[in-house]
Amino acid sequence: MTPQQPTSGTATAGPVAANTSSTVKTRHHLAKAVRLSPSEIRHAVSEVEGFNAKLAVIITHAVGSMAMAYVFCLIALTSLPAILIEAGVLTNSDVPKFLTKPGLILIVAWIAQTFIQLVLLSIIMVGQDVQSIASDARSENTFKDTQAILDALNTETKGGLRTLLEAIEAQGKPVQQGSGTTAT
């Protein structure tokens, strides 16, 4: 039997298919993104200048962690029993009394609607902007470094690959001349 060629809807055969079967491990990136790491925060703070920028980076890193996601989840779930009682799903005797007090529900509403939305979101936006500027600066430095390396390796630059190519050509010429002299 002859092997069938893949159709347009199937994966291609050959080296590409071999590479697609192995999965890329990204767990180490995920752990770095969701963990509240003081060393990561110190490193990020060291890259920026000014009190407001440093505070924005600290808050952005803290709020962008899974620990803070759990805290926000607990804050949101704190008012859930009162909502379920009002909806008739639960009765007052089903939940502890402190969870149905109007003061707690108002505090949760203020934190969720006023503080998080009006204050924290603007700080996060500033922190992301500061981090983006720092990332752009790192990218610019990487580009300059890469450009310097490529200039050093350029075939036209003296002292770069040009010297190596001349040395290789010089070694190749006697072999070509020797073979050329025997043919005449």
N, C-alpha and C. Protein backbone atom coordinates (compact mmCIF):
# COMPACT_ATOMS: atom_id res chain seq x y z
N MET A 1 0.84 -1.19 0.00
CA MET A 1 0.00 0.00 0.00
C MET A 1 0.88 1.24 0.00
N THR A 2 0.44 2.22 -0.72
CA THR A 2 1.18 3.48 -0.74
C THR A 2 0.65 4.38 0.35
N PRO A 3 1.53 5.15 0.98
CA PRO A 3 1.05 6.04 2.03
C PRO A 3 0.17 7.12 1.43
N GLN A 4 -0.90 7.43 2.14
CA GLN A 4 -1.82 8.44 1.66
C GLN A 4 -1.31 9.83 2.03
N GLN A 5 -1.53 10.76 1.13
CA GLN A 5 -1.18 12.14 1.42
C GLN A 5 -2.26 12.74 2.31
N PRO A 6 -1.87 13.60 3.23
CA PRO A 6 -2.88 14.19 4.10
C PRO A 6 -3.79 15.12 3.30
N THR A 7 -5.04 15.12 3.68
CA THR A 7 -5.98 16.02 3.03
C THR A 7 -5.89 17.39 3.69
N SER A 8 -6.61 18.36 3.14
CA SER A 8 -6.50 19.72 3.65
C SER A 8 -7.01 19.83 5.08
N GLY A 9 -7.85 18.95 5.52
CA GLY A 9 -8.38 19.03 6.87
C GLY A 9 -7.55 18.30 7.90
N THR A 10 -6.52 17.57 7.48
CA THR A 10 -5.72 16.81 8.43
C THR A 10 -4.38 17.48 8.65
N ALA A 11 -3.70 17.02 9.67
CA ALA A 11 -2.37 17.55 9.97
C ALA A 11 -1.37 17.08 8.94
N THR A 12 -0.34 17.86 8.72
CA THR A 12 0.66 17.48 7.75
C THR A 12 1.56 16.41 8.31
N ALA A 13 2.11 15.62 7.42
CA ALA A 13 3.02 14.56 7.85
C ALA A 13 4.43 15.09 7.85
N GLY A 14 5.34 14.33 8.41
CA GLY A 14 6.75 14.72 8.41
C GLY A 14 7.16 15.35 9.72
N PRO A 15 8.20 16.20 9.67
CA PRO A 15 8.74 16.77 10.89
C PRO A 15 7.74 17.66 11.62
N VAL A 16 6.84 18.31 10.88
CA VAL A 16 5.87 19.18 11.52
C VAL A 16 4.94 18.36 12.40
N ALA A 17 4.51 17.20 11.90
CA ALA A 17 3.61 16.36 12.68
C ALA A 17 4.32 15.86 13.94
N ALA A 18 5.60 15.58 13.83
CA ALA A 18 6.34 15.10 15.00
C ALA A 18 6.43 16.19 16.06
N ASN A 19 6.56 17.43 15.63
CA ASN A 19 6.66 18.53 16.58
C ASN A 19 5.32 18.86 17.22
N THR A 20 4.21 18.64 16.50
CA THR A 20 2.91 18.98 17.05
C THR A 20 2.46 17.98 18.09
N SER A 21 3.01 16.77 18.08
CA SER A 21 2.57 15.79 19.05
C SER A 21 3.13 16.07 20.44
N SER A 22 4.27 16.73 20.52
CA SER A 22 4.83 17.06 21.82
C SER A 22 4.22 18.38 22.30
N THR A 23 3.80 18.39 23.54
CA THR A 23 3.17 19.59 24.08
C THR A 23 4.20 20.51 24.70
N VAL A 24 3.91 21.77 24.66
CA VAL A 24 4.79 22.77 25.25
C VAL A 24 4.38 22.95 26.70
N LYS A 25 5.34 22.83 27.59
CA LYS A 25 5.06 22.98 29.01
C LYS A 25 5.11 24.45 29.39
N THR A 26 4.01 24.96 29.91
CA THR A 26 3.96 26.36 30.32
C THR A 26 3.60 26.50 31.79
N ARG A 27 3.69 25.44 32.52
CA ARG A 27 3.30 25.50 33.93
C ARG A 27 4.17 26.46 34.72
N HIS A 28 5.47 26.51 34.40
CA HIS A 28 6.33 27.41 35.14
C HIS A 28 5.96 28.87 34.89
N HIS A 29 5.44 29.18 33.71
CA HIS A 29 4.98 30.54 33.44
C HIS A 29 3.69 30.84 34.20
N LEU A 30 2.81 29.87 34.28
CA LEU A 30 1.55 30.05 34.98
C LEU A 30 1.80 30.30 36.46
N ALA A 31 2.67 29.53 37.06
CA ALA A 31 2.97 29.71 38.48
C ALA A 31 3.56 31.09 38.74
N LYS A 32 4.37 31.56 37.83
CA LYS A 32 4.97 32.88 37.99
C LYS A 32 3.91 33.98 37.88
N ALA A 33 2.92 33.76 37.04
CA ALA A 33 1.90 34.78 36.81
C ALA A 33 0.88 34.88 37.94
N VAL A 34 0.56 33.79 38.59
CA VAL A 34 -0.52 33.81 39.58
C VAL A 34 -0.03 33.88 41.02
N ARG A 35 1.26 33.76 41.23
CA ARG A 35 1.79 33.72 42.58
C ARG A 35 2.16 35.12 43.04
N LEU A 36 1.91 35.43 44.30
CA LEU A 36 2.31 36.70 44.90
C LEU A 36 3.72 36.51 45.43
N SER A 37 4.70 36.95 44.67
CA SER A 37 6.09 36.73 45.00
C SER A 37 6.75 38.05 45.39
N PRO A 38 7.18 38.19 46.63
CA PRO A 38 7.85 39.43 47.04
C PRO A 38 9.11 39.72 46.23
N SER A 39 9.86 38.69 45.83
CA SER A 39 11.07 38.93 45.05
C SER A 39 10.72 39.48 43.67
N GLU A 40 9.64 38.99 43.06
CA GLU A 40 9.19 39.52 41.77
C GLU A 40 8.76 40.98 41.93
N ILE A 41 8.07 41.29 43.02
CA ILE A 41 7.62 42.66 43.26
C ILE A 41 8.82 43.58 43.46
N ARG A 42 9.81 43.14 44.25
CA ARG A 42 11.01 43.95 44.46
C ARG A 42 11.73 44.20 43.15
N HIS A 43 11.83 43.17 42.31
CA HIS A 43 12.49 43.32 41.02
C HIS A 43 11.73 44.33 40.14
N ALA A 44 10.40 44.22 40.11
CA ALA A 44 9.60 45.12 39.28
C ALA A 44 9.68 46.56 39.80
N VAL A 45 9.71 46.72 41.13
CA VAL A 45 9.80 48.05 41.72
C VAL A 45 11.15 48.67 41.43
N SER A 46 12.20 47.86 41.38
CA SER A 46 13.54 48.40 41.12
C SER A 46 13.67 48.93 39.70
N GLU A 47 12.79 48.52 38.80
CA GLU A 47 12.87 48.95 37.40
C GLU A 47 12.21 50.30 37.15
N VAL A 48 11.45 50.82 38.13
CA VAL A 48 10.74 52.08 37.92
C VAL A 48 11.22 53.12 38.92
N GLU A 49 10.96 54.38 38.59
CA GLU A 49 11.36 55.48 39.46
C GLU A 49 10.13 56.26 39.89
N GLY A 50 10.18 56.82 41.08
CA GLY A 50 9.09 57.64 41.59
C GLY A 50 8.16 56.86 42.50
N PHE A 51 7.65 57.56 43.49
CA PHE A 51 6.78 56.93 44.49
C PHE A 51 5.50 56.38 43.85
N ASN A 52 4.82 57.19 43.03
CA ASN A 52 3.55 56.74 42.44
C ASN A 52 3.75 55.53 41.54
N ALA A 53 4.80 55.52 40.76
CA ALA A 53 5.07 54.38 39.88
C ALA A 53 5.35 53.13 40.70
N LYS A 54 6.16 53.26 41.75
CA LYS A 54 6.47 52.10 42.59
C LYS A 54 5.22 51.57 43.28
N LEU A 55 4.38 52.48 43.80
CA LEU A 55 3.14 52.06 44.46
C LEU A 55 2.19 51.38 43.47
N ALA A 56 2.11 51.93 42.26
CA ALA A 56 1.23 51.33 41.25
C ALA A 56 1.72 49.93 40.87
N VAL A 57 3.02 49.75 40.76
CA VAL A 57 3.56 48.42 40.42
C VAL A 57 3.30 47.43 41.55
N ILE A 58 3.49 47.87 42.79
CA ILE A 58 3.23 46.98 43.94
C ILE A 58 1.77 46.55 43.95
N ILE A 59 0.86 47.51 43.80
CA ILE A 59 -0.57 47.18 43.84
C ILE A 59 -0.96 46.31 42.65
N THR A 60 -0.42 46.60 41.48
CA THR A 60 -0.73 45.79 40.30
C THR A 60 -0.28 44.34 40.49
N HIS A 61 0.92 44.15 41.03
CA HIS A 61 1.39 42.78 41.27
C HIS A 61 0.54 42.09 42.34
N ALA A 62 0.18 42.82 43.38
CA ALA A 62 -0.60 42.20 44.46
C ALA A 62 -2.01 41.85 43.99
N VAL A 63 -2.66 42.76 43.29
CA VAL A 63 -4.03 42.52 42.84
C VAL A 63 -4.07 41.47 41.74
N GLY A 64 -2.99 41.34 40.98
CA GLY A 64 -2.94 40.37 39.89
C GLY A 64 -2.55 38.98 40.33
N SER A 65 -2.62 38.68 41.62
CA SER A 65 -2.24 37.36 42.11
C SER A 65 -3.49 36.53 42.44
N MET A 66 -3.31 35.25 42.51
CA MET A 66 -4.41 34.36 42.88
C MET A 66 -4.83 34.56 44.33
N ALA A 67 -3.90 34.95 45.18
CA ALA A 67 -4.26 35.21 46.58
C ALA A 67 -5.31 36.31 46.66
N MET A 68 -5.12 37.37 45.87
CA MET A 68 -6.10 38.45 45.88
C MET A 68 -7.40 38.02 45.21
N ALA A 69 -7.32 37.14 44.22
CA ALA A 69 -8.54 36.61 43.61
C ALA A 69 -9.37 35.85 44.63
N TYR A 70 -8.70 35.08 45.51
CA TYR A 70 -9.41 34.38 46.57
C TYR A 70 -10.03 35.35 47.57
N VAL A 71 -9.32 36.42 47.90
CA VAL A 71 -9.86 37.44 48.81
C VAL A 71 -11.09 38.09 48.20
N PHE A 72 -11.03 38.45 46.92
CA PHE A 72 -12.18 39.06 46.25
C PHE A 72 -13.35 38.08 46.20
N CYS A 73 -13.05 36.81 46.00
CA CYS A 73 -14.11 35.79 45.98
C CYS A 73 -14.79 35.69 47.34
N LEU A 74 -14.00 35.71 48.40
CA LEU A 74 -14.58 35.67 49.76
C LEU A 74 -15.42 36.91 50.04
N ILE A 75 -14.96 38.08 49.59
CA ILE A 75 -15.74 39.30 49.78
C ILE A 75 -17.08 39.18 49.05
N ALA A 76 -17.05 38.68 47.83
CA ALA A 76 -18.29 38.53 47.06
C ALA A 76 -19.22 37.50 47.69
N LEU A 77 -18.65 36.39 48.18
CA LEU A 77 -19.49 35.34 48.77
C LEU A 77 -20.06 35.74 50.13
N THR A 78 -19.47 36.75 50.75
CA THR A 78 -19.96 37.20 52.05
C THR A 78 -21.39 37.71 51.96
N SER A 79 -21.73 38.38 50.90
CA SER A 79 -23.09 38.91 50.77
C SER A 79 -24.06 37.94 50.10
N LEU A 80 -23.58 36.80 49.65
CA LEU A 80 -24.45 35.83 48.97
C LEU A 80 -25.59 35.31 49.85
N PRO A 81 -25.35 34.96 51.11
CA PRO A 81 -26.48 34.47 51.92
C PRO A 81 -27.63 35.47 52.04
N ALA A 82 -27.32 36.75 52.18
CA ALA A 82 -28.38 37.76 52.27
C ALA A 82 -29.18 37.82 50.98
N ILE A 83 -28.52 37.70 49.86
CA ILE A 83 -29.21 37.72 48.56
C ILE A 83 -30.09 36.48 48.42
N LEU A 84 -29.58 35.33 48.84
CA LEU A 84 -30.37 34.09 48.75
C LEU A 84 -31.57 34.12 49.68
N ILE A 85 -31.46 34.77 50.83
CA ILE A 85 -32.61 34.91 51.74
C ILE A 85 -33.66 35.81 51.10
N GLU A 86 -33.22 36.91 50.49
CA GLU A 86 -34.16 37.82 49.82
C GLU A 86 -34.84 37.14 48.64
N ALA A 87 -34.14 36.23 47.97
CA ALA A 87 -34.71 35.53 46.83
C ALA A 87 -35.62 34.38 47.27
N GLY A 88 -35.62 34.05 48.56
CA GLY A 88 -36.47 32.99 49.06
C GLY A 88 -35.84 31.61 48.96
N VAL A 89 -34.58 31.52 48.62
CA VAL A 89 -33.90 30.23 48.50
C VAL A 89 -33.52 29.72 49.89
N LEU A 90 -33.11 30.60 50.77
CA LEU A 90 -32.73 30.25 52.14
C LEU A 90 -33.63 30.99 53.12
N THR A 91 -33.61 30.52 54.36
CA THR A 91 -34.31 31.24 55.43
C THR A 91 -33.27 31.83 56.37
N ASN A 92 -33.71 32.75 57.25
CA ASN A 92 -32.79 33.38 58.20
C ASN A 92 -32.12 32.36 59.11
N SER A 93 -32.78 31.28 59.40
CA SER A 93 -32.19 30.28 60.30
C SER A 93 -31.14 29.42 59.62
N ASP A 94 -31.06 29.47 58.30
CA ASP A 94 -30.09 28.65 57.55
C ASP A 94 -28.66 29.19 57.61
N VAL A 95 -28.49 30.46 57.90
CA VAL A 95 -27.16 31.09 57.85
C VAL A 95 -26.89 31.82 59.16
N PRO A 96 -25.63 32.01 59.51
CA PRO A 96 -25.31 32.78 60.70
C PRO A 96 -25.88 34.20 60.61
N LYS A 97 -26.26 34.76 61.74
CA LYS A 97 -26.92 36.05 61.79
C LYS A 97 -26.04 37.19 61.25
N PHE A 98 -24.71 37.14 61.52
CA PHE A 98 -23.84 38.25 61.11
C PHE A 98 -23.74 38.38 59.59
N LEU A 99 -24.00 37.30 58.84
CA LEU A 99 -23.93 37.36 57.39
C LEU A 99 -25.13 38.07 56.76
N THR A 100 -26.18 38.28 57.54
CA THR A 100 -27.38 38.92 56.99
C THR A 100 -27.56 40.34 57.51
N LYS A 101 -26.62 40.85 58.27
CA LYS A 101 -26.75 42.21 58.79
C LYS A 101 -26.58 43.22 57.66
N PRO A 102 -27.40 44.26 57.66
CA PRO A 102 -27.32 45.26 56.58
C PRO A 102 -25.96 45.97 56.55
N GLY A 103 -25.32 46.16 57.68
CA GLY A 103 -24.03 46.84 57.71
C GLY A 103 -22.97 46.07 56.93
N LEU A 104 -22.95 44.76 57.09
CA LEU A 104 -21.98 43.93 56.36
C LEU A 104 -22.25 43.98 54.86
N ILE A 105 -23.51 43.92 54.50
CA ILE A 105 -23.87 43.96 53.08
C ILE A 105 -23.49 45.31 52.47
N LEU A 106 -23.67 46.39 53.22
CA LEU A 106 -23.28 47.72 52.71
C LEU A 106 -21.76 47.84 52.57
N ILE A 107 -21.02 47.28 53.52
CA ILE A 107 -19.55 47.32 53.42
C ILE A 107 -19.07 46.54 52.21
N VAL A 108 -19.65 45.36 52.00
CA VAL A 108 -19.27 44.55 50.84
C VAL A 108 -19.62 45.30 49.54
N ALA A 109 -20.79 45.92 49.51
CA ALA A 109 -21.20 46.67 48.31
C ALA A 109 -20.26 47.85 48.08
N TRP A 110 -19.86 48.55 49.13
CA TRP A 110 -18.95 49.69 48.98
C TRP A 110 -17.58 49.23 48.47
N ILE A 111 -17.07 48.13 49.06
CA ILE A 111 -15.76 47.63 48.63
C ILE A 111 -15.83 47.21 47.16
N ALA A 112 -16.86 46.44 46.80
CA ALA A 112 -16.94 45.89 45.45
C ALA A 112 -17.25 46.97 44.41
N GLN A 113 -18.16 47.87 44.72
CA GLN A 113 -18.61 48.81 43.71
C GLN A 113 -17.82 50.11 43.71
N THR A 114 -17.43 50.60 44.85
CA THR A 114 -16.77 51.89 44.90
C THR A 114 -15.26 51.75 44.90
N PHE A 115 -14.72 51.07 45.88
CA PHE A 115 -13.27 51.03 46.02
C PHE A 115 -12.61 50.28 44.88
N ILE A 116 -13.07 49.06 44.61
CA ILE A 116 -12.42 48.25 43.58
C ILE A 116 -12.59 48.88 42.20
N GLN A 117 -13.78 49.33 41.88
CA GLN A 117 -14.02 49.84 40.53
C GLN A 117 -13.43 51.23 40.31
N LEU A 118 -13.56 52.12 41.28
CA LEU A 118 -13.10 53.49 41.06
C LEU A 118 -11.64 53.71 41.40
N VAL A 119 -11.16 53.06 42.43
CA VAL A 119 -9.80 53.32 42.89
C VAL A 119 -8.84 52.27 42.36
N LEU A 120 -9.12 51.03 42.65
CA LEU A 120 -8.18 49.96 42.33
C LEU A 120 -7.97 49.78 40.83
N LEU A 121 -9.02 49.89 40.04
CA LEU A 121 -8.86 49.70 38.61
C LEU A 121 -7.99 50.78 37.98
N SER A 122 -8.11 52.02 38.43
CA SER A 122 -7.25 53.06 37.87
C SER A 122 -5.80 52.86 38.28
N ILE A 123 -5.57 52.39 39.51
CA ILE A 123 -4.20 52.10 39.95
C ILE A 123 -3.62 50.95 39.13
N ILE A 124 -4.43 49.94 38.86
CA ILE A 124 -3.96 48.81 38.05
C ILE A 124 -3.60 49.27 36.64
N MET A 125 -4.40 50.16 36.08
CA MET A 125 -4.10 50.67 34.74
C MET A 125 -2.78 51.42 34.73
N VAL A 126 -2.53 52.23 35.74
CA VAL A 126 -1.26 52.96 35.83
C VAL A 126 -0.11 51.97 35.99
N GLY A 127 -0.29 50.97 36.86
CA GLY A 127 0.74 49.96 37.06
C GLY A 127 1.06 49.20 35.79
N GLN A 128 0.04 48.86 35.02
CA GLN A 128 0.28 48.16 33.76
C GLN A 128 0.99 49.07 32.76
N ASP A 129 0.66 50.35 32.77
CA ASP A 129 1.34 51.29 31.88
C ASP A 129 2.81 51.41 32.26
N VAL A 130 3.10 51.49 33.55
CA VAL A 130 4.49 51.57 34.02
C VAL A 130 5.24 50.30 33.64
N GLN A 131 4.60 49.15 33.84
CA GLN A 131 5.24 47.88 33.48
C GLN A 131 5.46 47.80 31.97
N SER A 132 4.54 48.32 31.19
CA SER A 132 4.68 48.31 29.74
C SER A 132 5.85 49.18 29.30
N ILE A 133 6.01 50.34 29.94
CA ILE A 133 7.13 51.22 29.61
C ILE A 133 8.45 50.54 29.96
N ALA A 134 8.51 49.89 31.12
CA ALA A 134 9.72 49.17 31.51
C ALA A 134 10.00 48.02 30.55
N SER A 135 8.96 47.32 30.11
CA SER A 135 9.12 46.23 29.15
C SER A 135 9.62 46.76 27.81
N ASP A 136 9.10 47.90 27.39
CA ASP A 136 9.56 48.51 26.14
C ASP A 136 11.03 48.89 26.23
N ALA A 137 11.45 49.40 27.39
CA ALA A 137 12.86 49.77 27.57
C ALA A 137 13.75 48.53 27.50
N ARG A 138 13.32 47.43 28.14
CA ARG A 138 14.08 46.18 28.06
C ARG A 138 14.15 45.68 26.63
N SER A 139 13.04 45.77 25.92
CA SER A 139 13.00 45.34 24.53
C SER A 139 13.92 46.19 23.67
N GLU A 140 13.95 47.48 23.90
CA GLU A 140 14.84 48.38 23.15
C GLU A 140 16.30 48.02 23.41
N ASN A 141 16.64 47.73 24.67
CA ASN A 141 18.02 47.33 24.99
C ASN A 141 18.38 46.01 24.34
N THR A 142 17.45 45.07 24.32
CA THR A 142 17.69 43.79 23.67
C THR A 142 17.91 43.99 22.17
N PHE A 143 17.12 44.87 21.57
CA PHE A 143 17.28 45.15 20.15
C PHE A 143 18.64 45.76 19.86
N LYS A 144 19.07 46.71 20.69
CA LYS A 144 20.39 47.33 20.50
C LYS A 144 21.50 46.30 20.65
N ASP A 145 21.37 45.43 21.64
CA ASP A 145 22.38 44.38 21.82
C ASP A 145 22.42 43.44 20.62
N THR A 146 21.25 43.06 20.12
CA THR A 146 21.17 42.18 18.97
C THR A 146 21.75 42.85 17.73
N GLN A 147 21.47 44.14 17.59
CA GLN A 147 22.01 44.88 16.46
C GLN A 147 23.54 44.94 16.52
N ALA A 148 24.09 45.14 17.71
CA ALA A 148 25.54 45.17 17.86
C ALA A 148 26.15 43.82 17.52
N ILE A 149 25.50 42.74 17.93
CA ILE A 149 25.99 41.39 17.62
C ILE A 149 25.93 41.14 16.12
N LEU A 150 24.83 41.52 15.49
CA LEU A 150 24.71 41.32 14.05
C LEU A 150 25.72 42.16 13.29
N ASP A 151 25.99 43.38 13.77
CA ASP A 151 27.02 44.19 13.13
C ASP A 151 28.38 43.53 13.23
N ALA A 152 28.65 42.90 14.38
CA ALA A 152 29.93 42.21 14.55
C ALA A 152 30.02 40.99 13.65
N LEU A 153 28.89 40.39 13.35
CA LEU A 153 28.87 39.18 12.52
C LEU A 153 28.65 39.47 11.05
N ASN A 154 28.44 40.72 10.68
CA ASN A 154 28.16 41.08 9.31
C ASN A 154 29.35 40.71 8.42
N THR A 155 29.07 40.21 7.25
CA THR A 155 30.15 39.79 6.34
C THR A 155 30.90 40.97 5.77
N GLU A 156 30.33 42.13 5.79
CA GLU A 156 30.98 43.31 5.23
C GLU A 156 31.79 44.08 6.28
N THR A 157 31.60 43.80 7.54
CA THR A 157 32.29 44.54 8.60
C THR A 157 33.67 43.95 8.82
N LYS A 158 34.68 44.80 8.85
CA LYS A 158 36.04 44.32 9.08
C LYS A 158 36.15 43.83 10.52
N GLY A 159 36.71 42.67 10.71
CA GLY A 159 36.86 42.09 12.03
C GLY A 159 35.72 41.15 12.38
N GLY A 160 34.67 41.14 11.59
CA GLY A 160 33.56 40.24 11.84
C GLY A 160 33.74 38.97 11.04
N LEU A 161 32.69 38.54 10.41
CA LEU A 161 32.75 37.33 9.60
C LEU A 161 33.61 37.53 8.35
N ARG A 162 33.81 38.77 7.98
CA ARG A 162 34.64 39.04 6.79
C ARG A 162 36.04 38.45 6.96
N THR A 163 36.62 38.63 8.14
CA THR A 163 37.95 38.09 8.40
C THR A 163 37.94 36.57 8.32
N LEU A 164 36.90 35.97 8.88
CA LEU A 164 36.79 34.51 8.82
C LEU A 164 36.62 34.03 7.39
N LEU A 165 35.79 34.72 6.62
CA LEU A 165 35.58 34.32 5.23
C LEU A 165 36.86 34.45 4.41
N GLU A 166 37.61 35.52 4.65
CA GLU A 166 38.87 35.68 3.93
C GLU A 166 39.85 34.57 4.28
N ALA A 167 39.88 34.18 5.56
CA ALA A 167 40.77 33.10 5.97
C ALA A 167 40.36 31.77 5.32
N ILE A 168 39.07 31.52 5.25
CA ILE A 168 38.58 30.29 4.63
C ILE A 168 38.87 30.31 3.13
N GLU A 169 38.63 31.45 2.51
CA GLU A 169 38.92 31.56 1.07
C GLU A 169 40.41 31.40 0.79
N ALA A 170 41.25 31.95 1.68
CA ALA A 170 42.70 31.82 1.49
C ALA A 170 43.13 30.37 1.59
N GLN A 171 42.49 29.62 2.47
CA GLN A 171 42.82 28.19 2.58
C GLN A 171 42.29 27.42 1.39
N GLY A 172 41.20 27.85 0.83
CA GLY A 172 40.60 27.15 -0.30
C GLY A 172 41.30 27.43 -1.61
N LYS A 173 41.94 28.57 -1.77
CA LYS A 173 42.61 28.93 -3.04
C LYS A 173 43.77 28.02 -3.38
N PRO A 174 44.69 27.69 -2.45
CA PRO A 174 45.77 26.79 -2.85
C PRO A 174 45.27 25.43 -3.32
N VAL A 175 44.20 24.94 -2.76
CA VAL A 175 43.65 23.66 -3.18
C VAL A 175 43.13 23.80 -4.60
N GLN A 176 42.45 24.89 -4.91
CA GLN A 176 41.90 25.10 -6.25
C GLN A 176 43.04 25.33 -7.25
N GLN A 177 44.08 26.10 -6.85
CA GLN A 177 45.19 26.35 -7.75
C GLN A 177 45.97 25.06 -8.01
N GLY A 178 46.14 24.24 -6.97
CA GLY A 178 46.86 22.98 -7.13
C GLY A 178 46.12 22.06 -8.07
N SER A 179 44.79 22.00 -7.96
CA SER A 179 44.03 21.14 -8.85
C SER A 179 43.98 21.74 -10.25
N GLY A 180 44.08 23.07 -10.34
CA GLY A 180 44.07 23.72 -11.64
C GLY A 180 45.38 23.54 -12.37
N THR A 181 46.50 23.46 -11.67
CA THR A 181 47.80 23.29 -12.32
C THR A 181 47.98 21.87 -12.84
N THR A 182 47.36 20.91 -12.19
CA THR A 182 47.53 19.53 -12.66
C THR A 182 46.71 19.29 -13.92
N ALA A 183 45.68 20.06 -14.11
CA ALA A 183 44.81 19.85 -15.28
C ALA A 183 45.44 20.43 -16.54
N THR A 184 46.35 21.37 -16.45
CA THR A 184 46.93 21.97 -17.66
C THR A 184 48.07 21.23 -18.21
